[in-house]
Amino acid sequence: DPPLNLVGDYGGGALYLAFGLLAGVFEAQRSGK
């Protein structure tokens, strides 16, 4: 059954992107890069 686009687009996509971006910003605050 296709689970709408909740699993790929939004679960594995949007939420992982948000998590990655905030982790990247946190690291950039320390490294400057």
PDB file of all heavy atoms in Angstrom:
ATOM      1  N   ASP A   1       0.826  -1.203   0.000  1.00  0.00           N
ATOM      2  CA  ASP A   1       0.000   0.000   0.000  1.00  0.00           C
ATOM      3  C   ASP A   1       0.865   1.260   0.000  1.00  0.00           C
ATOM      4  O   ASP A   1       1.703   1.424   0.892  1.00  0.00           O
ATOM      5  CB  ASP A   1      -0.893   0.038   1.247  1.00  0.00           C
ATOM      6  CG  ASP A   1      -1.970  -1.031   1.212  1.00  0.00           C
ATOM      7  OD1 ASP A   1      -2.409  -1.379   0.103  1.00  0.00           O
ATOM      8  OD2 ASP A   1      -2.372  -1.499   2.288  1.00  0.00           O
ATOM      9  N   PRO A   2       0.669   2.182  -0.962  1.00  0.00           N
ATOM     10  CA  PRO A   2       1.391   3.454  -0.914  1.00  0.00           C
ATOM     11  C   PRO A   2       0.964   4.258   0.314  1.00  0.00           C
ATOM     12  O   PRO A   2      -0.223   4.580   0.457  1.00  0.00           O
ATOM     13  CB  PRO A   2       0.963   4.156  -2.210  1.00  0.00           C
ATOM     14  CG  PRO A   2       0.453   3.060  -3.101  1.00  0.00           C
ATOM     15  CD  PRO A   2      -0.155   2.050  -2.177  1.00  0.00           C
ATOM     16  N   PRO A   3       1.874   4.601   1.211  1.00  0.00           N
ATOM     17  CA  PRO A   3       1.513   5.313   2.441  1.00  0.00           C
ATOM     18  C   PRO A   3       1.490   6.830   2.255  1.00  0.00           C
ATOM     19  O   PRO A   3       2.188   7.561   2.953  1.00  0.00           O
ATOM     20  CB  PRO A   3       2.615   4.882   3.400  1.00  0.00           C
ATOM     21  CG  PRO A   3       3.798   4.697   2.512  1.00  0.00           C
ATOM     22  CD  PRO A   3       3.282   4.212   1.186  1.00  0.00           C
ATOM     23  N   LEU A   4       0.654   7.312   1.292  1.00  0.00           N
ATOM     24  CA  LEU A   4       0.707   8.709   0.875  1.00  0.00           C
ATOM     25  C   LEU A   4       2.172   9.034   0.560  1.00  0.00           C
ATOM     26  O   LEU A   4       2.910   8.177   0.115  1.00  0.00           O
ATOM     27  CB  LEU A   4       0.128   9.621   1.958  1.00  0.00           C
ATOM     28  CG  LEU A   4      -1.319   9.319   2.387  1.00  0.00           C
ATOM     29  CD1 LEU A   4      -1.793  10.327   3.424  1.00  0.00           C
ATOM     30  CD2 LEU A   4      -2.261   9.323   1.185  1.00  0.00           C
ATOM     31  N   ASN A   5       2.613  10.254   0.773  1.00  0.00           N
ATOM     32  CA  ASN A   5       4.049  10.528   0.601  1.00  0.00           C
ATOM     33  C   ASN A   5       4.662  10.889   1.951  1.00  0.00           C
ATOM     34  O   ASN A   5       5.584  11.684   2.051  1.00  0.00           O
ATOM     35  CB  ASN A   5       4.299  11.622  -0.434  1.00  0.00           C
ATOM     36  CG  ASN A   5       3.733  12.964  -0.023  1.00  0.00           C
ATOM     37  OD1 ASN A   5       2.744  13.028   0.688  1.00  0.00           O
ATOM     38  ND2 ASN A   5       4.349  14.042  -0.474  1.00  0.00           N
ATOM     39  N   LEU A   6       4.124  10.274   2.998  1.00  0.00           N
ATOM     40  CA  LEU A   6       4.573  10.576   4.350  1.00  0.00           C
ATOM     41  C   LEU A   6       5.917   9.939   4.678  1.00  0.00           C
ATOM     42  O   LEU A   6       6.711  10.510   5.430  1.00  0.00           O
ATOM     43  CB  LEU A   6       3.525  10.108   5.366  1.00  0.00           C
ATOM     44  CG  LEU A   6       2.146  10.765   5.267  1.00  0.00           C
ATOM     45  CD1 LEU A   6       1.191  10.121   6.261  1.00  0.00           C
ATOM     46  CD2 LEU A   6       2.251  12.257   5.526  1.00  0.00           C
ATOM     47  N   VAL A   7       6.181   8.763   4.135  1.00  0.00           N
ATOM     48  CA  VAL A   7       7.375   8.022   4.525  1.00  0.00           C
ATOM     49  C   VAL A   7       8.617   8.545   3.810  1.00  0.00           C
ATOM     50  O   VAL A   7       9.639   8.835   4.442  1.00  0.00           O
ATOM     51  CB  VAL A   7       7.196   6.516   4.263  1.00  0.00           C
ATOM     52  CG1 VAL A   7       8.473   5.754   4.590  1.00  0.00           C
ATOM     53  CG2 VAL A   7       6.032   5.965   5.092  1.00  0.00           C
ATOM     54  N   GLY A   8       8.550   8.688   2.501  1.00  0.00           N
ATOM     55  CA  GLY A   8       9.724   9.122   1.738  1.00  0.00           C
ATOM     56  C   GLY A   8       9.898  10.626   1.734  1.00  0.00           C
ATOM     57  O   GLY A   8      10.864  11.157   2.280  1.00  0.00           O
ATOM     58  N   ASP A   9       8.963  11.343   1.140  1.00  0.00           N
ATOM     59  CA  ASP A   9       9.079  12.797   1.032  1.00  0.00           C
ATOM     60  C   ASP A   9       9.241  13.456   2.394  1.00  0.00           C
ATOM     61  O   ASP A   9      10.125  14.305   2.582  1.00  0.00           O
ATOM     62  CB  ASP A   9       7.835  13.380   0.360  1.00  0.00           C
ATOM     63  CG  ASP A   9       7.908  13.311  -1.157  1.00  0.00           C
ATOM     64  OD1 ASP A   9       8.911  12.826  -1.690  1.00  0.00           O
ATOM     65  OD2 ASP A   9       6.947  13.752  -1.807  1.00  0.00           O
ATOM     66  N   TYR A  10       8.381  13.094   3.318  1.00  0.00           N
ATOM     67  CA  TYR A  10       8.317  13.864   4.553  1.00  0.00           C
ATOM     68  C   TYR A  10       9.085  13.241   5.710  1.00  0.00           C
ATOM     69  O   TYR A  10       9.797  13.941   6.433  1.00  0.00           O
ATOM     70  CB  TYR A  10       6.853  14.108   4.925  1.00  0.00           C
ATOM     71  CG  TYR A  10       6.144  15.010   3.941  1.00  0.00           C
ATOM     72  CD1 TYR A  10       4.768  14.961   3.773  1.00  0.00           C
ATOM     73  CD2 TYR A  10       6.864  15.916   3.156  1.00  0.00           C
ATOM     74  CE1 TYR A  10       4.125  15.798   2.863  1.00  0.00           C
ATOM     75  CE2 TYR A  10       6.236  16.742   2.237  1.00  0.00           C
ATOM     76  CZ  TYR A  10       4.859  16.684   2.102  1.00  0.00           C
ATOM     77  OH  TYR A  10       4.241  17.514   1.202  1.00  0.00           O
ATOM     78  N   GLY A  11       8.964  11.933   5.904  1.00  0.00           N
ATOM     79  CA  GLY A  11       9.717  11.294   6.984  1.00  0.00           C
ATOM     80  C   GLY A  11      11.202  11.191   6.659  1.00  0.00           C
ATOM     81  O   GLY A  11      12.056  11.741   7.357  1.00  0.00           O
ATOM     82  N   GLY A  12      11.523  10.496   5.584  1.00  0.00           N
ATOM     83  CA  GLY A  12      12.926  10.306   5.206  1.00  0.00           C
ATOM     84  C   GLY A  12      13.539  11.501   4.509  1.00  0.00           C
ATOM     85  O   GLY A  12      14.757  11.593   4.381  1.00  0.00           O
ATOM     86  N   GLY A  13      12.689  12.448   4.068  1.00  0.00           N
ATOM     87  CA  GLY A  13      13.172  13.609   3.357  1.00  0.00           C
ATOM     88  C   GLY A  13      13.176  14.869   4.196  1.00  0.00           C
ATOM     89  O   GLY A  13      14.207  15.292   4.718  1.00  0.00           O
ATOM     90  N   ALA A  14      12.007  15.482   4.363  1.00  0.00           N
ATOM     91  CA  ALA A  14      11.908  16.779   5.037  1.00  0.00           C
ATOM     92  C   ALA A  14      12.485  16.757   6.448  1.00  0.00           C
ATOM     93  O   ALA A  14      13.230  17.657   6.841  1.00  0.00           O
ATOM     94  CB  ALA A  14      10.453  17.236   5.078  1.00  0.00           C
ATOM     95  N   LEU A  15      12.147  15.722   7.217  1.00  0.00           N
ATOM     96  CA  LEU A  15      12.593  15.700   8.613  1.00  0.00           C
ATOM     97  C   LEU A  15      14.092  15.441   8.721  1.00  0.00           C
ATOM     98  O   LEU A  15      14.766  16.011   9.587  1.00  0.00           O
ATOM     99  CB  LEU A  15      11.798  14.666   9.399  1.00  0.00           C
ATOM    100  CG  LEU A  15      10.294  14.957   9.511  1.00  0.00           C
ATOM    101  CD1 LEU A  15       9.611  13.896  10.366  1.00  0.00           C
ATOM    102  CD2 LEU A  15      10.030  16.341  10.084  1.00  0.00           C
ATOM    103  N   TYR A  16      14.626  14.597   7.861  1.00  0.00           N
ATOM    104  CA  TYR A  16      16.081  14.359   7.895  1.00  0.00           C
ATOM    105  C   TYR A  16      16.837  15.583   7.387  1.00  0.00           C
ATOM    106  O   TYR A  16      17.934  15.889   7.867  1.00  0.00           O
ATOM    107  CB  TYR A  16      16.444  13.115   7.084  1.00  0.00           C
ATOM    108  CG  TYR A  16      16.350  11.854   7.905  1.00  0.00           C
ATOM    109  CD1 TYR A  16      15.125  11.263   8.165  1.00  0.00           C
ATOM    110  CD2 TYR A  16      17.490  11.267   8.456  1.00  0.00           C
ATOM    111  CE1 TYR A  16      15.029  10.122   8.945  1.00  0.00           C
ATOM    112  CE2 TYR A  16      17.409  10.128   9.232  1.00  0.00           C
ATOM    113  CZ  TYR A  16      16.176   9.552   9.475  1.00  0.00           C
ATOM    114  OH  TYR A  16      16.084   8.419  10.250  1.00  0.00           O
ATOM    115  N   LEU A  17      16.264  16.293   6.424  1.00  0.00           N
ATOM    116  CA  LEU A  17      16.904  17.525   5.967  1.00  0.00           C
ATOM    117  C   LEU A  17      16.942  18.548   7.104  1.00  0.00           C
ATOM    118  O   LEU A  17      17.979  19.168   7.360  1.00  0.00           O
ATOM    119  CB  LEU A  17      16.163  18.098   4.762  1.00  0.00           C
ATOM    120  CG  LEU A  17      16.678  19.447   4.229  1.00  0.00           C
ATOM    121  CD1 LEU A  17      18.138  19.353   3.799  1.00  0.00           C
ATOM    122  CD2 LEU A  17      15.810  19.943   3.081  1.00  0.00           C
ATOM    123  N   ALA A  18      15.816  18.727   7.805  1.00  0.00           N
ATOM    124  CA  ALA A  18      15.782  19.677   8.921  1.00  0.00           C
ATOM    125  C   ALA A  18      16.785  19.289   9.999  1.00  0.00           C
ATOM    126  O   ALA A  18      17.524  20.142  10.517  1.00  0.00           O
ATOM    127  CB  ALA A  18      14.368  19.739   9.507  1.00  0.00           C
ATOM    128  N   PHE A  19      16.841  18.011  10.314  1.00  0.00           N
ATOM    129  CA  PHE A  19      17.792  17.519  11.311  1.00  0.00           C
ATOM    130  C   PHE A  19      19.230  17.791  10.867  1.00  0.00           C
ATOM    131  O   PHE A  19      20.063  18.286  11.633  1.00  0.00           O
ATOM    132  CB  PHE A  19      17.564  16.021  11.509  1.00  0.00           C
ATOM    133  CG  PHE A  19      18.565  15.335  12.385  1.00  0.00           C
ATOM    134  CD1 PHE A  19      18.695  15.667  13.721  1.00  0.00           C
ATOM    135  CD2 PHE A  19      19.379  14.332  11.870  1.00  0.00           C
ATOM    136  CE1 PHE A  19      19.616  15.011  14.539  1.00  0.00           C
ATOM    137  CE2 PHE A  19      20.307  13.683  12.672  1.00  0.00           C
ATOM    138  CZ  PHE A  19      20.425  14.029  14.011  1.00  0.00           C
ATOM    139  N   GLY A  20      19.517  17.513   9.602  1.00  0.00           N
ATOM    140  CA  GLY A  20      20.857  17.724   9.074  1.00  0.00           C
ATOM    141  C   GLY A  20      21.245  19.195   9.040  1.00  0.00           C
ATOM    142  O   GLY A  20      22.390  19.558   9.355  1.00  0.00           O
ATOM    143  N   LEU A  21      20.296  20.042   8.659  1.00  0.00           N
ATOM    144  CA  LEU A  21      20.600  21.474   8.594  1.00  0.00           C
ATOM    145  C   LEU A  21      20.910  22.044   9.974  1.00  0.00           C
ATOM    146  O   LEU A  21      21.875  22.798  10.145  1.00  0.00           O
ATOM    147  CB  LEU A  21      19.420  22.225   7.979  1.00  0.00           C
ATOM    148  CG  LEU A  21      19.141  21.945   6.495  1.00  0.00           C
ATOM    149  CD1 LEU A  21      17.848  22.628   6.069  1.00  0.00           C
ATOM    150  CD2 LEU A  21      20.302  22.399   5.619  1.00  0.00           C
ATOM    151  N   LEU A  22      20.102  21.685  10.960  1.00  0.00           N
ATOM    152  CA  LEU A  22      20.339  22.215  12.305  1.00  0.00           C
ATOM    153  C   LEU A  22      21.635  21.667  12.888  1.00  0.00           C
ATOM    154  O   LEU A  22      22.357  22.378  13.600  1.00  0.00           O
ATOM    155  CB  LEU A  22      19.146  21.900  13.203  1.00  0.00           C
ATOM    156  CG  LEU A  22      17.855  22.636  12.813  1.00  0.00           C
ATOM    157  CD1 LEU A  22      16.705  22.216  13.711  1.00  0.00           C
ATOM    158  CD2 LEU A  22      18.046  24.146  12.864  1.00  0.00           C
ATOM    159  N   ALA A  23      21.950  20.403  12.567  1.00  0.00           N
ATOM    160  CA  ALA A  23      23.237  19.857  13.009  1.00  0.00           C
ATOM    161  C   ALA A  23      24.383  20.604  12.333  1.00  0.00           C
ATOM    162  O   ALA A  23      25.410  20.909  12.960  1.00  0.00           O
ATOM    163  CB  ALA A  23      23.308  18.360  12.689  1.00  0.00           C
ATOM    164  N   GLY A  24      24.209  20.917  11.044  1.00  0.00           N
ATOM    165  CA  GLY A  24      25.240  21.655  10.323  1.00  0.00           C
ATOM    166  C   GLY A  24      25.443  23.057  10.869  1.00  0.00           C
ATOM    167  O   GLY A  24      26.582  23.538  10.981  1.00  0.00           O
ATOM    168  N   VAL A  25      24.357  23.731  11.215  1.00  0.00           N
ATOM    169  CA  VAL A  25      24.460  25.075  11.794  1.00  0.00           C
ATOM    170  C   VAL A  25      25.161  25.015  13.147  1.00  0.00           C
ATOM    171  O   VAL A  25      26.017  25.852  13.465  1.00  0.00           O
ATOM    172  CB  VAL A  25      23.059  25.706  11.931  1.00  0.00           C
ATOM    173  CG1 VAL A  25      23.121  26.978  12.769  1.00  0.00           C
ATOM    174  CG2 VAL A  25      22.472  26.010  10.556  1.00  0.00           C
ATOM    175  N   PHE A  26      24.833  24.015  13.945  1.00  0.00           N
ATOM    176  CA  PHE A  26      25.470  23.852  15.255  1.00  0.00           C
ATOM    177  C   PHE A  26      26.982  23.687  15.091  1.00  0.00           C
ATOM    178  O   PHE A  26      27.778  24.309  15.801  1.00  0.00           O
ATOM    179  CB  PHE A  26      24.871  22.638  15.957  1.00  0.00           C
ATOM    180  CG  PHE A  26      25.479  22.327  17.299  1.00  0.00           C
ATOM    181  CD1 PHE A  26      25.171  23.080  18.419  1.00  0.00           C
ATOM    182  CD2 PHE A  26      26.369  21.268  17.439  1.00  0.00           C
ATOM    183  CE1 PHE A  26      25.729  22.793  19.644  1.00  0.00           C
ATOM    184  CE2 PHE A  26      26.937  20.972  18.661  1.00  0.00           C
ATOM    185  CZ  PHE A  26      26.616  21.743  19.773  1.00  0.00           C
ATOM    186  N   GLU A  27      27.373  22.861  14.116  1.00  0.00           N
ATOM    187  CA  GLU A  27      28.798  22.632  13.894  1.00  0.00           C
ATOM    188  C   GLU A  27      29.478  23.883  13.348  1.00  0.00           C
ATOM    189  O   GLU A  27      30.604  24.218  13.744  1.00  0.00           O
ATOM    190  CB  GLU A  27      28.997  21.455  12.927  1.00  0.00           C
ATOM    191  CG  GLU A  27      30.405  20.892  12.883  1.00  0.00           C
ATOM    192  CD  GLU A  27      31.371  21.715  12.012  1.00  0.00           C
ATOM    193  OE1 GLU A  27      30.882  22.398  11.087  1.00  0.00           O
ATOM    194  OE2 GLU A  27      32.590  21.658  12.259  1.00  0.00           O
ATOM    195  N   ALA A  28      28.798  24.597  12.456  1.00  0.00           N
ATOM    196  CA  ALA A  28      29.384  25.798  11.862  1.00  0.00           C
ATOM    197  C   ALA A  28      29.624  26.890  12.898  1.00  0.00           C
ATOM    198  O   ALA A  28      30.550  27.699  12.762  1.00  0.00           O
ATOM    199  CB  ALA A  28      28.474  26.331  10.751  1.00  0.00           C
ATOM    200  N   GLN A  29      28.811  26.909  13.938  1.00  0.00           N
ATOM    201  CA  GLN A  29      29.006  27.891  14.998  1.00  0.00           C
ATOM    202  C   GLN A  29      30.324  27.666  15.736  1.00  0.00           C
ATOM    203  O   GLN A  29      30.901  28.607  16.279  1.00  0.00           O
ATOM    204  CB  GLN A  29      27.830  27.837  15.982  1.00  0.00           C
ATOM    205  CG  GLN A  29      26.527  28.370  15.401  1.00  0.00           C
ATOM    206  CD  GLN A  29      25.345  28.155  16.321  1.00  0.00           C
ATOM    207  OE1 GLN A  29      25.392  27.336  17.243  1.00  0.00           O
ATOM    208  NE2 GLN A  29      24.274  28.887  16.079  1.00  0.00           N
ATOM    209  N   ARG A  30      30.791  26.427  15.724  1.00  0.00           N
ATOM    210  CA  ARG A  30      32.060  26.129  16.395  1.00  0.00           C
ATOM    211  C   ARG A  30      33.240  26.213  15.444  1.00  0.00           C
ATOM    212  O   ARG A  30      34.307  26.703  15.804  1.00  0.00           O
ATOM    213  CB  ARG A  30      32.000  24.723  17.014  1.00  0.00           C
ATOM    214  CG  ARG A  30      31.062  24.620  18.216  1.00  0.00           C
ATOM    215  CD  ARG A  30      30.960  23.197  18.717  1.00  0.00           C
ATOM    216  NE  ARG A  30      30.267  22.365  17.734  1.00  0.00           N
ATOM    217  CZ  ARG A  30      30.533  21.080  17.513  1.00  0.00           C
ATOM    218  NH1 ARG A  30      31.509  20.500  18.180  1.00  0.00           N
ATOM    219  NH2 ARG A  30      29.843  20.400  16.643  1.00  0.00           N
ATOM    220  N   SER A  31      33.075  25.733  14.210  1.00  0.00           N
ATOM    221  CA  SER A  31      34.187  25.668  13.266  1.00  0.00           C
ATOM    222  C   SER A  31      34.336  26.918  12.414  1.00  0.00           C
ATOM    223  O   SER A  31      35.401  27.191  11.867  1.00  0.00           O
ATOM    224  CB  SER A  31      34.013  24.461  12.339  1.00  0.00           C
ATOM    225  OG  SER A  31      32.902  24.666  11.471  1.00  0.00           O
ATOM    226  N   GLY A  32      33.226  27.656  12.246  1.00  0.00           N
ATOM    227  CA  GLY A  32      33.252  28.807  11.356  1.00  0.00           C
ATOM    228  C   GLY A  32      33.153  28.437   9.898  1.00  0.00           C
ATOM    229  O   GLY A  32      33.289  29.285   9.029  1.00  0.00           O
ATOM    230  N   LYS A  33      32.893  27.164   9.614  1.00  0.00           N
ATOM    231  CA  LYS A  33      32.812  26.696   8.226  1.00  0.00           C
ATOM    232  C   LYS A  33      31.506  25.944   7.995  1.00  0.00           C
ATOM    233  O   LYS A  33      31.083  25.138   8.821  1.00  0.00           O
ATOM    234  CB  LYS A  33      33.986  25.787   7.891  1.00  0.00           C
ATOM    235  CG  LYS A  33      35.335  26.500   7.908  1.00  0.00           C
ATOM    236  CD  LYS A  33      36.450  25.571   7.464  1.00  0.00           C
ATOM    237  CE  LYS A  33      37.799  26.295   7.481  1.00  0.00           C
ATOM    238  NZ  LYS A  33      37.821  27.413   6.499  1.00  0.00           N
TER     239      LYS A  33
END
